[in-house]
Amino acid sequence: MYTLAIVLIFIVCLFLVLVVLVQNSKGGGLASSFSGSNQIMGVRRTSDFLEKATWYLAGALLVFCIMASAFIPRSENAQQSIMSEQIQTAVDPTQAPSFPTSASEMETAGEKPAAEESK
């Protein structure tokens, strides 16, 4: 059902883009091309239809988005998110770092003492 809702959202979005692009802008649009001749719908009816189509498509988009959010697939064995795992394994920033203080600690850490490096 979720996939169906997403597909419907994309279809409505495409129609909405097309209807908005066809509408009468400041320079004209589809409605201005009918002004010279007496067509079936006429200029005023064309712009009324396009305006109503915009509102209906916007409402349908809202309904489909709410429907998609209601049908988001959720599993019973939901794993923890990556963020919560990172929070649990994060190092405490208030904890002071432990630096090696003796030569034996430096050797276990894989470093040579400063006295041996100069030789």
PDB file of N, CA and C in Angstrom:
ATOM      1  N   MET A   1       0.822  -1.197   0.000  1.00  0.00           N
ATOM      2  CA  MET A   1       0.000   0.000   0.000  1.00  0.00           C
ATOM      3  C   MET A   1       0.868   1.264   0.000  1.00  0.00           C
ATOM      4  N   TYR A   2       2.005   1.142   0.683  1.00  0.00           N
ATOM      5  CA  TYR A   2       2.922   2.275   0.748  1.00  0.00           C
ATOM      6  C   TYR A   2       3.448   2.614  -0.643  1.00  0.00           C
ATOM      7  N   THR A   3       3.800   1.595  -1.405  1.00  0.00           N
ATOM      8  CA  THR A   3       4.317   1.806  -2.758  1.00  0.00           C
ATOM      9  C   THR A   3       3.262   2.447  -3.645  1.00  0.00           C
ATOM     10  N   LEU A   4       2.031   2.014  -3.509  1.00  0.00           N
ATOM     11  CA  LEU A   4       0.935   2.615  -4.275  1.00  0.00           C
ATOM     12  C   LEU A   4       0.788   4.099  -3.944  1.00  0.00           C
ATOM     13  N   ALA A   5       0.864   4.432  -2.670  1.00  0.00           N
ATOM     14  CA  ALA A   5       0.742   5.828  -2.259  1.00  0.00           C
ATOM     15  C   ALA A   5       1.886   6.672  -2.833  1.00  0.00           C
ATOM     16  N   ILE A   6       3.094   6.128  -2.843  1.00  0.00           N
ATOM     17  CA  ILE A   6       4.237   6.868  -3.391  1.00  0.00           C
ATOM     18  C   ILE A   6       4.073   7.087  -4.893  1.00  0.00           C
ATOM     19  N   VAL A   7       3.608   6.051  -5.597  1.00  0.00           N
ATOM     20  CA  VAL A   7       3.381   6.190  -7.041  1.00  0.00           C
ATOM     21  C   VAL A   7       2.313   7.242  -7.312  1.00  0.00           C
ATOM     22  N   LEU A   8       1.236   7.234  -6.545  1.00  0.00           N
ATOM     23  CA  LEU A   8       0.176   8.239  -6.713  1.00  0.00           C
ATOM     24  C   LEU A   8       0.688   9.652  -6.420  1.00  0.00           C
ATOM     25  N   ILE A   9       1.565   9.774  -5.440  1.00  0.00           N
ATOM     26  CA  ILE A   9       2.148  11.086  -5.123  1.00  0.00           C
ATOM     27  C   ILE A   9       2.957  11.598  -6.313  1.00  0.00           C
ATOM     28  N   PHE A  10       3.753  10.741  -6.928  1.00  0.00           N
ATOM     29  CA  PHE A  10       4.539  11.168  -8.089  1.00  0.00           C
ATOM     30  C   PHE A  10       3.642  11.555  -9.264  1.00  0.00           C
ATOM     31  N   ILE A  11       2.592  10.810  -9.486  1.00  0.00           N
ATOM     32  CA  ILE A  11       1.681  11.127 -10.587  1.00  0.00           C
ATOM     33  C   ILE A  11       1.002  12.474 -10.352  1.00  0.00           C
ATOM     34  N   VAL A  12       0.511  12.683  -9.135  1.00  0.00           N
ATOM     35  CA  VAL A  12      -0.149  13.952  -8.798  1.00  0.00           C
ATOM     36  C   VAL A  12       0.847  15.106  -8.921  1.00  0.00           C
ATOM     37  N   CYS A  13       2.081  14.889  -8.512  1.00  0.00           N
ATOM     38  CA  CYS A  13       3.094  15.946  -8.624  1.00  0.00           C
ATOM     39  C   CYS A  13       3.349  16.322 -10.083  1.00  0.00           C
ATOM     40  N   LEU A  14       3.430  15.323 -10.943  1.00  0.00           N
ATOM     41  CA  LEU A  14       3.635  15.618 -12.361  1.00  0.00           C
ATOM     42  C   LEU A  14       2.469  16.411 -12.946  1.00  0.00           C
ATOM     43  N   PHE A  15       1.235  15.995 -12.629  1.00  0.00           N
ATOM     44  CA  PHE A  15       0.069  16.739 -13.115  1.00  0.00           C
ATOM     45  C   PHE A  15       0.036  18.152 -12.553  1.00  0.00           C
ATOM     46  N   LEU A  16       0.408  18.284 -11.293  1.00  0.00           N
ATOM     47  CA  LEU A  16       0.411  19.604 -10.661  1.00  0.00           C
ATOM     48  C   LEU A  16       1.426  20.527 -11.335  1.00  0.00           C
ATOM     49  N   VAL A  17       2.585  20.005 -11.653  1.00  0.00           N
ATOM     50  CA  VAL A  17       3.590  20.810 -12.351  1.00  0.00           C
ATOM     51  C   VAL A  17       3.073  21.238 -13.720  1.00  0.00           C
ATOM     52  N   LEU A  18       2.466  20.312 -14.435  1.00  0.00           N
ATOM     53  CA  LEU A  18       1.940  20.643 -15.767  1.00  0.00           C
ATOM     54  C   LEU A  18       0.835  21.695 -15.695  1.00  0.00           C
ATOM     55  N   VAL A  19      -0.068  21.546 -14.738  1.00  0.00           N
ATOM     56  CA  VAL A  19      -1.180  22.507 -14.619  1.00  0.00           C
ATOM     57  C   VAL A  19      -0.662  23.885 -14.234  1.00  0.00           C
ATOM     58  N   VAL A  20       0.308  23.936 -13.346  1.00  0.00           N
ATOM     59  CA  VAL A  20       0.843  25.235 -12.935  1.00  0.00           C
ATOM     60  C   VAL A  20       1.587  25.899 -14.087  1.00  0.00           C
ATOM     61  N   LEU A  21       2.304  25.121 -14.875  1.00  0.00           N
ATOM     62  CA  LEU A  21       3.023  25.704 -16.006  1.00  0.00           C
ATOM     63  C   LEU A  21       2.088  26.203 -17.103  1.00  0.00           C
ATOM     64  N   VAL A  22       0.914  25.624 -17.226  1.00  0.00           N
ATOM     65  CA  VAL A  22      -0.029  26.017 -18.270  1.00  0.00           C
ATOM     66  C   VAL A  22      -0.828  27.251 -17.856  1.00  0.00           C
ATOM     67  N   GLN A  23      -0.908  27.525 -16.554  1.00  0.00           N
ATOM     68  CA  GLN A  23      -1.744  28.633 -16.076  1.00  0.00           C
ATOM     69  C   GLN A  23      -1.287  29.973 -16.621  1.00  0.00           C
ATOM     70  N   ASN A  24      -2.198  30.908 -16.585  1.00  0.00           N
ATOM     71  CA  ASN A  24      -1.956  32.264 -17.070  1.00  0.00           C
ATOM     72  C   ASN A  24      -1.005  32.977 -16.115  1.00  0.00           C
ATOM     73  N   SER A  25       0.132  33.328 -16.620  1.00  0.00           N
ATOM     74  CA  SER A  25       1.075  34.094 -15.819  1.00  0.00           C
ATOM     75  C   SER A  25       0.957  35.560 -16.224  1.00  0.00           C
ATOM     76  N   LYS A  26       1.899  36.377 -15.816  1.00  0.00           N
ATOM     77  CA  LYS A  26       1.843  37.793 -16.174  1.00  0.00           C
ATOM     78  C   LYS A  26       1.967  37.991 -17.678  1.00  0.00           C
ATOM     79  N   GLY A  27       2.756  37.143 -18.329  1.00  0.00           N
ATOM     80  CA  GLY A  27       2.963  37.286 -19.758  1.00  0.00           C
ATOM     81  C   GLY A  27       1.966  36.502 -20.589  1.00  0.00           C
ATOM     82  N   GLY A  28       1.121  35.717 -19.974  1.00  0.00           N
ATOM     83  CA  GLY A  28       0.165  34.896 -20.710  1.00  0.00           C
ATOM     84  C   GLY A  28       0.391  33.434 -20.404  1.00  0.00           C
ATOM     85  N   GLY A  29      -0.344  32.586 -21.028  1.00  0.00           N
ATOM     86  CA  GLY A  29      -0.244  31.151 -20.822  1.00  0.00           C
ATOM     87  C   GLY A  29      -1.167  30.474 -21.791  1.00  0.00           C
ATOM     88  N   LEU A  30      -1.700  29.350 -21.428  1.00  0.00           N
ATOM     89  CA  LEU A  30      -2.632  28.655 -22.287  1.00  0.00           C
ATOM     90  C   LEU A  30      -3.909  29.471 -22.473  1.00  0.00           C
ATOM     91  N   ALA A  31      -4.327  30.149 -21.426  1.00  0.00           N
ATOM     92  CA  ALA A  31      -5.555  30.934 -21.499  1.00  0.00           C
ATOM     93  C   ALA A  31      -5.436  32.084 -22.499  1.00  0.00           C
ATOM     94  N   SER A  32      -4.244  32.650 -22.663  1.00  0.00           N
ATOM     95  CA  SER A  32      -4.091  33.779 -23.588  1.00  0.00           C
ATOM     96  C   SER A  32      -4.159  33.334 -25.043  1.00  0.00           C
ATOM     97  N   SER A  33      -3.865  32.088 -25.320  1.00  0.00           N
ATOM     98  CA  SER A  33      -3.933  31.631 -26.706  1.00  0.00           C
ATOM     99  C   SER A  33      -5.377  31.473 -27.189  1.00  0.00           C
ATOM    100  N   PHE A  34      -6.337  31.425 -26.283  1.00  0.00           N
ATOM    101  CA  PHE A  34      -7.743  31.300 -26.652  1.00  0.00           C
ATOM    102  C   PHE A  34      -8.436  32.652 -26.787  1.00  0.00           C
ATOM    103  N   SER A  35      -7.739  33.729 -26.512  1.00  0.00           N
ATOM    104  CA  SER A  35      -8.398  35.034 -26.520  1.00  0.00           C
ATOM    105  C   SER A  35      -8.752  35.516 -27.930  1.00  0.00           C
ATOM    106  N   GLY A  36      -7.984  35.122 -28.920  1.00  0.00           N
ATOM    107  CA  GLY A  36      -8.241  35.591 -30.276  1.00  0.00           C
ATOM    108  C   GLY A  36      -9.430  34.905 -30.924  1.00  0.00           C
ATOM    109  N   SER A  37      -9.695  33.690 -30.599  1.00  0.00           N
ATOM    110  CA  SER A  37     -10.792  32.959 -31.233  1.00  0.00           C
ATOM    111  C   SER A  37     -11.828  32.569 -30.193  1.00  0.00           C
ATOM    112  N   ASN A  38     -13.017  32.295 -30.650  1.00  0.00           N
ATOM    113  CA  ASN A  38     -14.109  31.930 -29.754  1.00  0.00           C
ATOM    114  C   ASN A  38     -14.168  30.405 -29.645  1.00  0.00           C
ATOM    115  N   GLN A  39     -13.447  29.868 -28.688  1.00  0.00           N
ATOM    116  CA  GLN A  39     -13.392  28.425 -28.501  1.00  0.00           C
ATOM    117  C   GLN A  39     -14.548  27.972 -27.611  1.00  0.00           C
ATOM    118  N   ILE A  40     -14.627  26.685 -27.386  1.00  0.00           N
ATOM    119  CA  ILE A  40     -15.712  26.116 -26.587  1.00  0.00           C
ATOM    120  C   ILE A  40     -15.641  26.607 -25.141  1.00  0.00           C
ATOM    121  N   MET A  41     -14.444  26.571 -24.560  1.00  0.00           N
ATOM    122  CA  MET A  41     -14.339  26.953 -23.153  1.00  0.00           C
ATOM    123  C   MET A  41     -14.163  28.457 -22.984  1.00  0.00           C
ATOM    124  N   GLY A  42     -13.443  29.076 -23.826  1.00  0.00           N
ATOM    125  CA  GLY A  42     -13.188  30.507 -23.691  1.00  0.00           C
ATOM    126  C   GLY A  42     -12.070  30.760 -22.700  1.00  0.00           C
ATOM    127  N   VAL A  43     -11.645  32.020 -22.587  1.00  0.00           N
ATOM    128  CA  VAL A  43     -10.517  32.377 -21.734  1.00  0.00           C
ATOM    129  C   VAL A  43     -10.853  32.223 -20.265  1.00  0.00           C
ATOM    130  N   ARG A  44     -11.989  32.742 -19.867  1.00  0.00           N
ATOM    131  CA  ARG A  44     -12.329  32.734 -18.448  1.00  0.00           C
ATOM    132  C   ARG A  44     -12.550  31.312 -17.948  1.00  0.00           C
ATOM    133  N   ARG A  45     -13.201  30.497 -18.714  1.00  0.00           N
ATOM    134  CA  ARG A  45     -13.467  29.129 -18.270  1.00  0.00           C
ATOM    135  C   ARG A  45     -12.188  28.305 -18.225  1.00  0.00           C
ATOM    136  N   THR A  46     -11.256  28.583 -19.113  1.00  0.00           N
ATOM    137  CA  THR A  46      -9.983  27.866 -19.092  1.00  0.00           C
ATOM    138  C   THR A  46      -9.217  28.186 -17.816  1.00  0.00           C
ATOM    139  N   SER A  47      -9.136  29.449 -17.450  1.00  0.00           N
ATOM    140  CA  SER A  47      -8.416  29.811 -16.232  1.00  0.00           C
ATOM    141  C   SER A  47      -9.142  29.313 -14.995  1.00  0.00           C
ATOM    142  N   ASP A  48     -10.487  29.295 -14.995  1.00  0.00           N
ATOM    143  CA  ASP A  48     -11.229  28.726 -13.868  1.00  0.00           C
ATOM    144  C   ASP A  48     -10.947  27.236 -13.726  1.00  0.00           C
ATOM    145  N   PHE A  49     -10.928  26.519 -14.849  1.00  0.00           N
ATOM    146  CA  PHE A  49     -10.645  25.089 -14.809  1.00  0.00           C
ATOM    147  C   PHE A  49      -9.237  24.818 -14.293  1.00  0.00           C
ATOM    148  N   LEU A  50      -8.268  25.598 -14.761  1.00  0.00           N
ATOM    149  CA  LEU A  50      -6.893  25.385 -14.330  1.00  0.00           C
ATOM    150  C   LEU A  50      -6.711  25.711 -12.851  1.00  0.00           C
ATOM    151  N   GLU A  51      -7.409  26.740 -12.372  1.00  0.00           N
ATOM    152  CA  GLU A  51      -7.321  27.086 -10.956  1.00  0.00           C
ATOM    153  C   GLU A  51      -7.944  25.992 -10.090  1.00  0.00           C
ATOM    154  N   LYS A  52      -9.103  25.493 -10.505  1.00  0.00           N
ATOM    155  CA  LYS A  52      -9.747  24.414  -9.750  1.00  0.00           C
ATOM    156  C   LYS A  52      -8.905  23.138  -9.797  1.00  0.00           C
ATOM    157  N   ALA A  53      -8.311  22.862 -10.947  1.00  0.00           N
ATOM    158  CA  ALA A  53      -7.456  21.675 -11.063  1.00  0.00           C
ATOM    159  C   ALA A  53      -6.254  21.789 -10.132  1.00  0.00           C
ATOM    160  N   THR A  54      -5.700  22.977 -10.000  1.00  0.00           N
ATOM    161  CA  THR A  54      -4.576  23.182  -9.094  1.00  0.00           C
ATOM    162  C   THR A  54      -4.975  22.892  -7.658  1.00  0.00           C
ATOM    163  N   TRP A  55      -6.137  23.400  -7.248  1.00  0.00           N
ATOM    164  CA  TRP A  55      -6.590  23.181  -5.869  1.00  0.00           C
ATOM    165  C   TRP A  55      -6.903  21.703  -5.609  1.00  0.00           C
ATOM    166  N   TYR A  56      -7.551  21.047  -6.569  1.00  0.00           N
ATOM    167  CA  TYR A  56      -7.864  19.628  -6.384  1.00  0.00           C
ATOM    168  C   TYR A  56      -6.603  18.774  -6.345  1.00  0.00           C
ATOM    169  N   LEU A  57      -5.639  19.074  -7.201  1.00  0.00           N
ATOM    170  CA  LEU A  57      -4.394  18.316  -7.189  1.00  0.00           C
ATOM    171  C   LEU A  57      -3.592  18.567  -5.911  1.00  0.00           C
ATOM    172  N   ALA A  58      -3.617  19.800  -5.416  1.00  0.00           N
ATOM    173  CA  ALA A  58      -2.923  20.090  -4.158  1.00  0.00           C
ATOM    174  C   ALA A  58      -3.587  19.348  -2.997  1.00  0.00           C
ATOM    175  N   GLY A  59      -4.908  19.291  -2.991  1.00  0.00           N
ATOM    176  CA  GLY A  59      -5.614  18.527  -1.956  1.00  0.00           C
ATOM    177  C   GLY A  59      -5.328  17.040  -2.054  1.00  0.00           C
ATOM    178  N   ALA A  60      -5.306  16.517  -3.283  1.00  0.00           N
ATOM    179  CA  ALA A  60      -4.997  15.102  -3.473  1.00  0.00           C
ATOM    180  C   ALA A  60      -3.577  14.797  -3.025  1.00  0.00           C
ATOM    181  N   LEU A  61      -2.648  15.704  -3.289  1.00  0.00           N
ATOM    182  CA  LEU A  61      -1.272  15.515  -2.851  1.00  0.00           C
ATOM    183  C   LEU A  61      -1.193  15.459  -1.332  1.00  0.00           C
ATOM    184  N   LEU A  62      -1.909  16.323  -0.660  1.00  0.00           N
ATOM    185  CA  LEU A  62      -1.948  16.318   0.804  1.00  0.00           C
ATOM    186  C   LEU A  62      -2.501  14.999   1.331  1.00  0.00           C
ATOM    187  N   VAL A  63      -3.609  14.534   0.762  1.00  0.00           N
ATOM    188  CA  VAL A  63      -4.230  13.279   1.208  1.00  0.00           C
ATOM    189  C   VAL A  63      -3.296  12.105   0.969  1.00  0.00           C
ATOM    190  N   PHE A  64      -2.649  12.052  -0.192  1.00  0.00           N
ATOM    191  CA  PHE A  64      -1.754  10.942  -0.486  1.00  0.00           C
ATOM    192  C   PHE A  64      -0.517  10.958   0.408  1.00  0.00           C
ATOM    193  N   CYS A  65      -0.027  12.145   0.753  1.00  0.00           N
ATOM    194  CA  CYS A  65       1.124  12.224   1.663  1.00  0.00           C
ATOM    195  C   CYS A  65       0.761  11.717   3.055  1.00  0.00           C
ATOM    196  N   ILE A  66      -0.415  12.087   3.542  1.00  0.00           N
ATOM    197  CA  ILE A  66      -0.869  11.591   4.849  1.00  0.00           C
ATOM    198  C   ILE A  66      -1.082  10.086   4.792  1.00  0.00           C
ATOM    199  N   MET A  67      -1.649   9.608   3.675  1.00  0.00           N
ATOM    200  CA  MET A  67      -1.870   8.173   3.522  1.00  0.00           C
ATOM    201  C   MET A  67      -0.533   7.423   3.475  1.00  0.00           C
ATOM    202  N   ALA A  68       0.451   7.971   2.793  1.00  0.00           N
ATOM    203  CA  ALA A  68       1.758   7.319   2.724  1.00  0.00           C
ATOM    204  C   ALA A  68       2.427   7.267   4.091  1.00  0.00           C
ATOM    205  N   SER A  69       2.280   8.332   4.865  1.00  0.00           N
ATOM    206  CA  SER A  69       2.888   8.321   6.195  1.00  0.00           C
ATOM    207  C   SER A  69       2.199   7.324   7.127  1.00  0.00           C
ATOM    208  N   ALA A  70       0.920   7.054   6.894  1.00  0.00           N
ATOM    209  CA  ALA A  70       0.210   6.072   7.716  1.00  0.00           C
ATOM    210  C   ALA A  70       0.605   4.647   7.355  1.00  0.00           C
ATOM    211  N   PHE A  71       1.031   4.422   6.111  1.00  0.00           N
ATOM    212  CA  PHE A  71       1.348   3.068   5.659  1.00  0.00           C
ATOM    213  C   PHE A  71       2.845   2.806   5.541  1.00  0.00           C
ATOM    214  N   ILE A  72       3.666   3.581   6.222  1.00  0.00           N
ATOM    215  CA  ILE A  72       5.108   3.342   6.189  1.00  0.00           C
ATOM    216  C   ILE A  72       5.365   1.958   6.774  1.00  0.00           C
ATOM    217  N   PRO A  73       6.119   1.112   6.069  1.00  0.00           N
ATOM    218  CA  PRO A  73       6.350  -0.241   6.576  1.00  0.00           C
ATOM    219  C   PRO A  73       7.197  -0.225   7.843  1.00  0.00           C
ATOM    220  N   ARG A  74       6.674  -0.874   8.863  1.00  0.00           N
ATOM    221  CA  ARG A  74       7.380  -1.001  10.139  1.00  0.00           C
ATOM    222  C   ARG A  74       7.420  -2.475  10.494  1.00  0.00           C
ATOM    223  N   SER A  75       8.583  -2.957  10.876  1.00  0.00           N
ATOM    224  CA  SER A  75       8.713  -4.368  11.230  1.00  0.00           C
ATOM    225  C   SER A  75       8.606  -4.536  12.742  1.00  0.00           C
ATOM    226  N   GLU A  76       8.224  -5.733  13.154  1.00  0.00           N
ATOM    227  CA  GLU A  76       8.100  -6.024  14.587  1.00  0.00           C
ATOM    228  C   GLU A  76       9.477  -6.077  15.234  1.00  0.00           C
ATOM    229  N   ASN A  77      10.455  -6.603  14.524  1.00  0.00           N
ATOM    230  CA  ASN A  77      11.812  -6.712  15.045  1.00  0.00           C
ATOM    231  C   ASN A  77      12.627  -5.503  14.603  1.00  0.00           C
ATOM    232  N   ALA A  78      12.166  -4.355  14.965  1.00  0.00           N
ATOM    233  CA  ALA A  78      12.826  -3.120  14.524  1.00  0.00           C
ATOM    234  C   ALA A  78      14.204  -3.021  15.152  1.00  0.00           C
ATOM    235  N   GLN A  79      15.196  -2.820  14.296  1.00  0.00           N
ATOM    236  CA  GLN A  79      16.550  -2.657  14.781  1.00  0.00           C
ATOM    237  C   GLN A  79      16.729  -1.230  15.261  1.00  0.00           C
ATOM    238  N   GLN A  80      17.706  -1.059  16.136  1.00  0.00           N
ATOM    239  CA  GLN A  80      17.981   0.290  16.604  1.00  0.00           C
ATOM    240  C   GLN A  80      18.592   1.094  15.467  1.00  0.00           C
ATOM    241  N   SER A  81      18.327   2.326  15.475  1.00  0.00           N
ATOM    242  CA  SER A  81      18.854   3.179  14.422  1.00  0.00           C
ATOM    243  C   SER A  81      20.362   3.374  14.602  1.00  0.00           C
ATOM    244  N   ILE A  82      20.999   3.802  13.550  1.00  0.00           N
ATOM    245  CA  ILE A  82      22.443   4.026  13.598  1.00  0.00           C
ATOM    246  C   ILE A  82      22.773   5.119  14.600  1.00  0.00           C
ATOM    247  N   MET A  83      21.893   6.104  14.684  1.00  0.00           N
ATOM    248  CA  MET A  83      22.135   7.202  15.614  1.00  0.00           C
ATOM    249  C   MET A  83      22.129   6.734  17.063  1.00  0.00           C
ATOM    250  N   SER A  84      21.170   5.901  17.424  1.00  0.00           N
ATOM    251  CA  SER A  84      21.110   5.433  18.808  1.00  0.00           C
ATOM    252  C   SER A  84      22.293   4.529  19.128  1.00  0.00           C
ATOM    253  N   GLU A  85      22.778   3.761  18.136  1.00  0.00           N
ATOM    254  CA  GLU A  85      23.975   2.953  18.364  1.00  0.00           C
ATOM    255  C   GLU A  85      25.188   3.839  18.590  1.00  0.00           C
ATOM    256  N   GLN A  86      25.309   4.914  17.837  1.00  0.00           N
ATOM    257  CA  GLN A  86      26.433   5.828  18.017  1.00  0.00           C
ATOM    258  C   GLN A  86      26.363   6.542  19.356  1.00  0.00           C
ATOM    259  N   ILE A  87      25.170   6.846  19.800  1.00  0.00           N
ATOM    260  CA  ILE A  87      25.016   7.505  21.100  1.00  0.00           C
ATOM    261  C   ILE A  87      25.450   6.577  22.216  1.00  0.00           C
ATOM    262  N   GLN A  88      25.102   5.301  22.107  1.00  0.00           N
ATOM    263  CA  GLN A  88      25.464   4.341  23.154  1.00  0.00           C
ATOM    264  C   GLN A  88      26.959   4.071  23.187  1.00  0.00           C
ATOM    265  N   THR A  89      27.625   4.095  22.044  1.00  0.00           N
ATOM    266  CA  THR A  89      29.058   3.801  22.000  1.00  0.00           C
ATOM    267  C   THR A  89      29.924   5.048  22.025  1.00  0.00           C
ATOM    268  N   ALA A  90      29.346   6.199  22.214  1.00  0.00           N
ATOM    269  CA  ALA A  90      30.112   7.450  22.201  1.00  0.00           C
ATOM    270  C   ALA A  90      30.996   7.551  23.437  1.00  0.00           C
ATOM    271  N   VAL A  91      32.130   8.211  23.260  1.00  0.00           N
ATOM    272  CA  VAL A  91      33.056   8.440  24.362  1.00  0.00           C
ATOM    273  C   VAL A  91      32.582   9.661  25.141  1.00  0.00           C
ATOM    274  N   ASP A  92      32.686   9.573  26.448  1.00  0.00           N
ATOM    275  CA  ASP A  92      32.258  10.680  27.295  1.00  0.00           C
ATOM    276  C   ASP A  92      33.210  11.859  27.098  1.00  0.00           C
ATOM    277  N   PRO A  93      32.710  13.014  26.623  1.00  0.00           N
ATOM    278  CA  PRO A  93      33.613  14.139  26.361  1.00  0.00           C
ATOM    279  C   PRO A  93      34.171  14.781  27.628  1.00  0.00           C
ATOM    280  N   THR A  94      33.574  14.535  28.784  1.00  0.00           N
ATOM    281  CA  THR A  94      34.075  15.124  30.030  1.00  0.00           C
ATOM    282  C   THR A  94      35.176  14.284  30.646  1.00  0.00           C
ATOM    283  N   GLN A  95      35.366  13.058  30.147  1.00  0.00           N
ATOM    284  CA  GLN A  95      36.394  12.183  30.681  1.00  0.00           C
ATOM    285  C   GLN A  95      37.756  12.639  30.161  1.00  0.00           C
ATOM    286  N   ALA A  96      38.726  12.736  31.079  1.00  0.00           N
ATOM    287  CA  ALA A  96      40.061  13.180  30.709  1.00  0.00           C
ATOM    288  C   ALA A  96      40.780  12.043  29.978  1.00  0.00           C
ATOM    289  N   PRO A  97      41.530  12.382  28.935  1.00  0.00           N
ATOM    290  CA  PRO A  97      42.268  11.320  28.229  1.00  0.00           C
ATOM    291  C   PRO A  97      43.402  10.794  29.098  1.00  0.00           C
ATOM    292  N   SER A  98      43.732   9.517  28.938  1.00  0.00           N
ATOM    293  CA  SER A  98      44.826   8.931  29.722  1.00  0.00           C
ATOM    294  C   SER A  98      46.052   8.819  28.830  1.00  0.00           C
ATOM    295  N   PHE A  99      47.087   9.560  29.186  1.00  0.00           N
ATOM    296  CA  PHE A  99      48.339   9.547  28.449  1.00  0.00           C
ATOM    297  C   PHE A  99      49.321   8.648  29.180  1.00  0.00           C
ATOM    298  N   PRO A 100      50.198   7.939  28.453  1.00  0.00           N
ATOM    299  CA  PRO A 100      51.194   7.101  29.134  1.00  0.00           C
ATOM    300  C   PRO A 100      52.187   7.977  29.890  1.00  0.00           C
ATOM    301  N   THR A 101      52.513   7.557  31.109  1.00  0.00           N
ATOM    302  CA  THR A 101      53.403   8.368  31.937  1.00  0.00           C
ATOM    303  C   THR A 101      54.766   7.728  32.130  1.00  0.00           C
ATOM    304  N   SER A 102      54.883   6.428  31.900  1.00  0.00           N
ATOM    305  CA  SER A 102      56.182   5.790  32.087  1.00  0.00           C
ATOM    306  C   SER A 102      56.612   5.119  30.784  1.00  0.00           C
ATOM    307  N   ALA A 103      57.865   4.716  30.758  1.00  0.00           N
ATOM    308  CA  ALA A 103      58.424   4.083  29.567  1.00  0.00           C
ATOM    309  C   ALA A 103      57.769   2.738  29.308  1.00  0.00           C
ATOM    310  N   SER A 104      57.430   2.008  30.374  1.00  0.00           N
ATOM    311  CA  SER A 104      56.813   0.696  30.177  1.00  0.00           C
ATOM    312  C   SER A 104      55.403   0.839  29.577  1.00  0.00           C
ATOM    313  N   GLU A 105      54.697   1.869  29.970  1.00  0.00           N
ATOM    314  CA  GLU A 105      53.376   2.106  29.389  1.00  0.00           C
ATOM    315  C   GLU A 105      53.495   2.517  27.927  1.00  0.00           C
ATOM    316  N   MET A 106      54.541   3.242  27.579  1.00  0.00           N
ATOM    317  CA  MET A 106      54.746   3.665  26.205  1.00  0.00           C
ATOM    318  C   MET A 106      55.091   2.478  25.320  1.00  0.00           C
ATOM    319  N   GLU A 107      55.881   1.530  25.875  1.00  0.00           N
ATOM    320  CA  GLU A 107      56.260   0.340  25.105  1.00  0.00           C
ATOM    321  C   GLU A 107      55.033  -0.532  24.836  1.00  0.00           C
ATOM    322  N   THR A 108      54.134  -0.619  25.809  1.00  0.00           N
ATOM    323  CA  THR A 108      52.927  -1.419  25.592  1.00  0.00           C
ATOM    324  C   THR A 108      52.001  -0.738  24.601  1.00  0.00           C
ATOM    325  N   ALA A 109      52.103   0.579  24.509  1.00  0.00           N
ATOM    326  CA  ALA A 109      51.287   1.311  23.549  1.00  0.00           C
ATOM    327  C   ALA A 109      51.914   1.291  22.161  1.00  0.00           C
ATOM    328  N   GLY A 110      53.147   0.788  22.044  1.00  0.00           N
ATOM    329  CA  GLY A 110      53.783   0.693  20.732  1.00  0.00           C
ATOM    330  C   GLY A 110      54.677   1.860  20.400  1.00  0.00           C
ATOM    331  N   GLU A 111      55.030   2.655  21.366  1.00  0.00           N
ATOM    332  CA  GLU A 111      55.900   3.800  21.135  1.00  0.00           C
ATOM    333  C   GLU A 111      57.231   3.577  21.851  1.00  0.00           C
ATOM    334  N   LYS A 112      58.263   4.244  21.355  1.00  0.00           N
ATOM    335  CA  LYS A 112      59.578   4.177  21.999  1.00  0.00           C
ATOM    336  C   LYS A 112      59.728   5.380  22.904  1.00  0.00           C
ATOM    337  N   PRO A 113      60.367   5.203  24.037  1.00  0.00           N
ATOM    338  CA  PRO A 113      60.619   6.363  24.904  1.00  0.00           C
ATOM    339  C   PRO A 113      61.517   7.374  24.199  1.00  0.00           C
ATOM    340  N   ALA A 114      61.433   8.622  24.614  1.00  0.00           N
ATOM    341  CA  ALA A 114      62.180   9.708  23.978  1.00  0.00           C
ATOM    342  C   ALA A 114      63.674   9.506  24.107  1.00  0.00           C
ATOM    343  N   ALA A 115      64.147   8.912  25.212  1.00  0.00           N
ATOM    344  CA  ALA A 115      65.573   8.690  25.407  1.00  0.00           C
ATOM    345  C   ALA A 115      66.107   7.693  24.383  1.00  0.00           C
ATOM    346  N   GLU A 116      65.346   6.674  24.048  1.00  0.00           N
ATOM    347  CA  GLU A 116      65.792   5.661  23.091  1.00  0.00           C
ATOM    348  C   GLU A 116      65.742   6.194  21.661  1.00  0.00           C
ATOM    349  N   GLU A 117      64.840   7.093  21.373  1.00  0.00           N
ATOM    350  CA  GLU A 117      64.711   7.621  20.012  1.00  0.00           C
ATOM    351  C   GLU A 117      65.902   8.477  19.618  1.00  0.00           C
ATOM    352  N   SER A 118      66.526   9.153  20.604  1.00  0.00           N
ATOM    353  CA  SER A 118      67.639  10.054  20.291  1.00  0.00           C
ATOM    354  C   SER A 118      68.920   9.282  20.023  1.00  0.00           C
ATOM    355  N   LYS A 119      69.018   8.026  20.438  1.00  0.00           N
ATOM    356  CA  LYS A 119      70.242   7.225  20.240  1.00  0.00           C
ATOM    357  C   LYS A 119      70.426   6.790  18.848  1.00  0.00           C
TER     358      LYS A 119
END
